[in-house]
Amino acid sequence: MTAGTLRGRRFGKFSIARQVGYSDPGACRKVFLRIAGLPPGEYRQRFRG
């Protein structure tokens, strides 16, 4: 869900973190980085449609 949200409409990192169950955007970022191999901001830039 996080990757799809980043590719789609523009939401801030706090909003996306809350949507996927994190109260701390930093924790969400760390998990995203570990799974996707790049930080959410860079992912958004590369894969935005």
PDB file of N, CA and C in Angstrom:
ATOM      1  N   MET A   1       0.823  -1.196   0.000  1.00  0.00           N
ATOM      2  CA  MET A   1       0.000   0.000   0.000  1.00  0.00           C
ATOM      3  C   MET A   1       0.864   1.256   0.000  1.00  0.00           C
ATOM      4  N   THR A   2       1.933   1.281   0.762  1.00  0.00           N
ATOM      5  CA  THR A   2       2.757   2.484   0.832  1.00  0.00           C
ATOM      6  C   THR A   2       3.334   2.850  -0.522  1.00  0.00           C
ATOM      7  N   ALA A   3       3.897   1.894  -1.228  1.00  0.00           N
ATOM      8  CA  ALA A   3       4.488   2.171  -2.541  1.00  0.00           C
ATOM      9  C   ALA A   3       3.429   2.687  -3.507  1.00  0.00           C
ATOM     10  N   GLY A   4       2.266   2.081  -3.513  1.00  0.00           N
ATOM     11  CA  GLY A   4       1.186   2.537  -4.382  1.00  0.00           C
ATOM     12  C   GLY A   4       0.733   3.941  -4.046  1.00  0.00           C
ATOM     13  N   THR A   5       0.683   4.259  -2.778  1.00  0.00           N
ATOM     14  CA  THR A   5       0.297   5.604  -2.346  1.00  0.00           C
ATOM     15  C   THR A   5       1.339   6.626  -2.784  1.00  0.00           C
ATOM     16  N   LEU A   6       2.597   6.262  -2.701  1.00  0.00           N
ATOM     17  CA  LEU A   6       3.660   7.180  -3.135  1.00  0.00           C
ATOM     18  C   LEU A   6       3.598   7.433  -4.634  1.00  0.00           C
ATOM     19  N   ARG A   7       3.248   6.419  -5.403  1.00  0.00           N
ATOM     20  CA  ARG A   7       3.170   6.584  -6.866  1.00  0.00           C
ATOM     21  C   ARG A   7       1.937   7.380  -7.278  1.00  0.00           C
ATOM     22  N   GLY A   8       0.900   7.313  -6.483  1.00  0.00           N
ATOM     23  CA  GLY A   8      -0.361   7.949  -6.851  1.00  0.00           C
ATOM     24  C   GLY A   8      -0.463   9.383  -6.395  1.00  0.00           C
ATOM     25  N   ARG A   9      -1.564   9.684  -5.752  1.00  0.00           N
ATOM     26  CA  ARG A   9      -1.830  11.049  -5.304  1.00  0.00           C
ATOM     27  C   ARG A   9      -0.801  11.522  -4.305  1.00  0.00           C
ATOM     28  N   ARG A  10      -0.714  12.796  -4.148  1.00  0.00           N
ATOM     29  CA  ARG A  10       0.296  13.411  -3.284  1.00  0.00           C
ATOM     30  C   ARG A  10      -0.187  13.458  -1.835  1.00  0.00           C
ATOM     31  N   PHE A  11       0.431  12.652  -0.994  1.00  0.00           N
ATOM     32  CA  PHE A  11       0.193  12.682   0.443  1.00  0.00           C
ATOM     33  C   PHE A  11       1.518  12.942   1.127  1.00  0.00           C
ATOM     34  N   GLY A  12       1.491  13.577   2.267  1.00  0.00           N
ATOM     35  CA  GLY A  12       2.697  13.784   3.048  1.00  0.00           C
ATOM     36  C   GLY A  12       3.113  12.507   3.748  1.00  0.00           C
ATOM     37  N   LYS A  13       4.347  12.466   4.211  1.00  0.00           N
ATOM     38  CA  LYS A  13       4.853  11.241   4.815  1.00  0.00           C
ATOM     39  C   LYS A  13       4.117  10.882   6.101  1.00  0.00           C
ATOM     40  N   PHE A  14       3.672  11.866   6.869  1.00  0.00           N
ATOM     41  CA  PHE A  14       2.914  11.553   8.078  1.00  0.00           C
ATOM     42  C   PHE A  14       1.586  10.905   7.726  1.00  0.00           C
ATOM     43  N   SER A  15       0.915  11.431   6.734  1.00  0.00           N
ATOM     44  CA  SER A  15      -0.369  10.886   6.301  1.00  0.00           C
ATOM     45  C   SER A  15      -0.228   9.448   5.801  1.00  0.00           C
ATOM     46  N   ILE A  16       0.800   9.192   5.005  1.00  0.00           N
ATOM     47  CA  ILE A  16       1.023   7.843   4.488  1.00  0.00           C
ATOM     48  C   ILE A  16       1.370   6.893   5.629  1.00  0.00           C
ATOM     49  N   ALA A  17       2.222   7.331   6.538  1.00  0.00           N
ATOM     50  CA  ALA A  17       2.585   6.489   7.681  1.00  0.00           C
ATOM     51  C   ALA A  17       1.347   6.115   8.488  1.00  0.00           C
ATOM     52  N   ARG A  18       0.482   7.064   8.728  1.00  0.00           N
ATOM     53  CA  ARG A  18      -0.760   6.788   9.477  1.00  0.00           C
ATOM     54  C   ARG A  18      -1.654   5.803   8.718  1.00  0.00           C
ATOM     55  N   GLN A  19      -1.741   5.941   7.407  1.00  0.00           N
ATOM     56  CA  GLN A  19      -2.580   5.048   6.604  1.00  0.00           C
ATOM     57  C   GLN A  19      -2.134   3.591   6.704  1.00  0.00           C
ATOM     58  N   VAL A  20      -0.849   3.374   6.882  1.00  0.00           N
ATOM     59  CA  VAL A  20      -0.343   1.999   6.955  1.00  0.00           C
ATOM     60  C   VAL A  20      -0.083   1.544   8.393  1.00  0.00           C
ATOM     61  N   GLY A  21      -0.518   2.341   9.367  1.00  0.00           N
ATOM     62  CA  GLY A  21      -0.499   1.907  10.751  1.00  0.00           C
ATOM     63  C   GLY A  21       0.659   2.383  11.607  1.00  0.00           C
ATOM     64  N   TYR A  22       1.453   3.332  11.142  1.00  0.00           N
ATOM     65  CA  TYR A  22       2.564   3.872  11.926  1.00  0.00           C
ATOM     66  C   TYR A  22       2.195   5.231  12.476  1.00  0.00           C
ATOM     67  N   SER A  23       2.520   5.474  13.744  1.00  0.00           N
ATOM     68  CA  SER A  23       2.310   6.807  14.304  1.00  0.00           C
ATOM     69  C   SER A  23       3.566   7.657  14.124  1.00  0.00           C
ATOM     70  N   ASP A  24       4.687   7.020  13.793  1.00  0.00           N
ATOM     71  CA  ASP A  24       5.959   7.713  13.614  1.00  0.00           C
ATOM     72  C   ASP A  24       6.419   7.575  12.159  1.00  0.00           C
ATOM     73  N   PRO A  25       6.432   8.670  11.391  1.00  0.00           N
ATOM     74  CA  PRO A  25       6.873   8.598   9.993  1.00  0.00           C
ATOM     75  C   PRO A  25       8.304   8.087   9.843  1.00  0.00           C
ATOM     76  N   GLY A  26       9.163   8.351  10.830  1.00  0.00           N
ATOM     77  CA  GLY A  26      10.543   7.876  10.764  1.00  0.00           C
ATOM     78  C   GLY A  26      10.622   6.355  10.791  1.00  0.00           C
ATOM     79  N   ALA A  27       9.791   5.729  11.614  1.00  0.00           N
ATOM     80  CA  ALA A  27       9.758   4.263  11.673  1.00  0.00           C
ATOM     81  C   ALA A  27       9.246   3.689  10.354  1.00  0.00           C
ATOM     82  N   CYS A  28       8.251   4.314   9.798  1.00  0.00           N
ATOM     83  CA  CYS A  28       7.716   3.870   8.503  1.00  0.00           C
ATOM     84  C   CYS A  28       8.792   3.993   7.431  1.00  0.00           C
ATOM     85  N   ARG A  29       9.540   5.077   7.450  1.00  0.00           N
ATOM     86  CA  ARG A  29      10.601   5.298   6.470  1.00  0.00           C
ATOM     87  C   ARG A  29      11.668   4.204   6.556  1.00  0.00           C
ATOM     88  N   LYS A  30      12.053   3.859   7.783  1.00  0.00           N
ATOM     89  CA  LYS A  30      13.073   2.828   7.976  1.00  0.00           C
ATOM     90  C   LYS A  30      12.621   1.484   7.405  1.00  0.00           C
ATOM     91  N   VAL A  31      11.377   1.112   7.664  1.00  0.00           N
ATOM     92  CA  VAL A  31      10.854  -0.151   7.138  1.00  0.00           C
ATOM     93  C   VAL A  31      10.765  -0.085   5.615  1.00  0.00           C
ATOM     94  N   PHE A  32      10.279   1.033   5.080  1.00  0.00           N
ATOM     95  CA  PHE A  32      10.182   1.180   3.632  1.00  0.00           C
ATOM     96  C   PHE A  32      11.552   1.064   2.983  1.00  0.00           C
ATOM     97  N   LEU A  33      12.550   1.708   3.563  1.00  0.00           N
ATOM     98  CA  LEU A  33      13.910   1.663   3.038  1.00  0.00           C
ATOM     99  C   LEU A  33      14.443   0.234   3.034  1.00  0.00           C
ATOM    100  N   ARG A  34      14.203  -0.490   4.104  1.00  0.00           N
ATOM    101  CA  ARG A  34      14.673  -1.875   4.191  1.00  0.00           C
ATOM    102  C   ARG A  34      14.000  -2.760   3.145  1.00  0.00           C
ATOM    103  N   ILE A  35      12.722  -2.552   2.897  1.00  0.00           N
ATOM    104  CA  ILE A  35      11.988  -3.397   1.949  1.00  0.00           C
ATOM    105  C   ILE A  35      12.215  -2.962   0.503  1.00  0.00           C
ATOM    106  N   ALA A  36      12.106  -1.672   0.230  1.00  0.00           N
ATOM    107  CA  ALA A  36      12.178  -1.173  -1.151  1.00  0.00           C
ATOM    108  C   ALA A  36      13.608  -0.900  -1.608  1.00  0.00           C
ATOM    109  N   GLY A  37      14.520  -0.715  -0.667  1.00  0.00           N
ATOM    110  CA  GLY A  37      15.908  -0.457  -1.024  1.00  0.00           C
ATOM    111  C   GLY A  37      16.235   0.998  -1.290  1.00  0.00           C
ATOM    112  N   LEU A  38      15.275   1.882  -1.121  1.00  0.00           N
ATOM    113  CA  LEU A  38      15.509   3.312  -1.249  1.00  0.00           C
ATOM    114  C   LEU A  38      14.472   4.052  -0.419  1.00  0.00           C
ATOM    115  N   PRO A  39      14.781   5.271  -0.010  1.00  0.00           N
ATOM    116  CA  PRO A  39      13.843   6.019   0.838  1.00  0.00           C
ATOM    117  C   PRO A  39      12.573   6.407   0.083  1.00  0.00           C
ATOM    118  N   PRO A  40      11.488   6.633   0.813  1.00  0.00           N
ATOM    119  CA  PRO A  40      10.212   6.952   0.175  1.00  0.00           C
ATOM    120  C   PRO A  40      10.267   8.143  -0.786  1.00  0.00           C
ATOM    121  N   GLY A  41      10.990   9.194  -0.430  1.00  0.00           N
ATOM    122  CA  GLY A  41      11.074  10.371  -1.314  1.00  0.00           C
ATOM    123  C   GLY A  41      11.716  10.045  -2.644  1.00  0.00           C
ATOM    124  N   GLU A  42      12.781   9.273  -2.601  1.00  0.00           N
ATOM    125  CA  GLU A  42      13.452   8.884  -3.848  1.00  0.00           C
ATOM    126  C   GLU A  42      12.579   7.929  -4.656  1.00  0.00           C
ATOM    127  N   TYR A  43      11.897   7.025  -3.958  1.00  0.00           N
ATOM    128  CA  TYR A  43      10.971   6.111  -4.638  1.00  0.00           C
ATOM    129  C   TYR A  43       9.895   6.908  -5.371  1.00  0.00           C
ATOM    130  N   ARG A  44       9.355   7.906  -4.676  1.00  0.00           N
ATOM    131  CA  ARG A  44       8.304   8.737  -5.272  1.00  0.00           C
ATOM    132  C   ARG A  44       8.802   9.434  -6.534  1.00  0.00           C
ATOM    133  N   GLN A  45      10.022   9.977  -6.493  1.00  0.00           N
ATOM    134  CA  GLN A  45      10.578  10.663  -7.654  1.00  0.00           C
ATOM    135  C   GLN A  45      10.792   9.716  -8.832  1.00  0.00           C
ATOM    136  N   ARG A  46      11.267   8.527  -8.556  1.00  0.00           N
ATOM    137  CA  ARG A  46      11.571   7.574  -9.630  1.00  0.00           C
ATOM    138  C   ARG A  46      10.331   6.963 -10.271  1.00  0.00           C
ATOM    139  N   PHE A  47       9.315   6.675  -9.462  1.00  0.00           N
ATOM    140  CA  PHE A  47       8.207   5.875  -9.950  1.00  0.00           C
ATOM    141  C   PHE A  47       6.867   6.590 -10.039  1.00  0.00           C
ATOM    142  N   ARG A  48       6.859   7.886  -9.858  1.00  0.00           N
ATOM    143  CA  ARG A  48       5.592   8.619  -9.984  1.00  0.00           C
ATOM    144  C   ARG A  48       5.132   8.570 -11.432  1.00  0.00           C
ATOM    145  N   GLY A  49       3.862   8.285 -11.586  1.00  0.00           N
ATOM    146  CA  GLY A  49       3.301   8.139 -12.933  1.00  0.00           C
ATOM    147  C   GLY A  49       2.879   9.395 -13.586  1.00  0.00           C
TER     148      GLY A  49
END
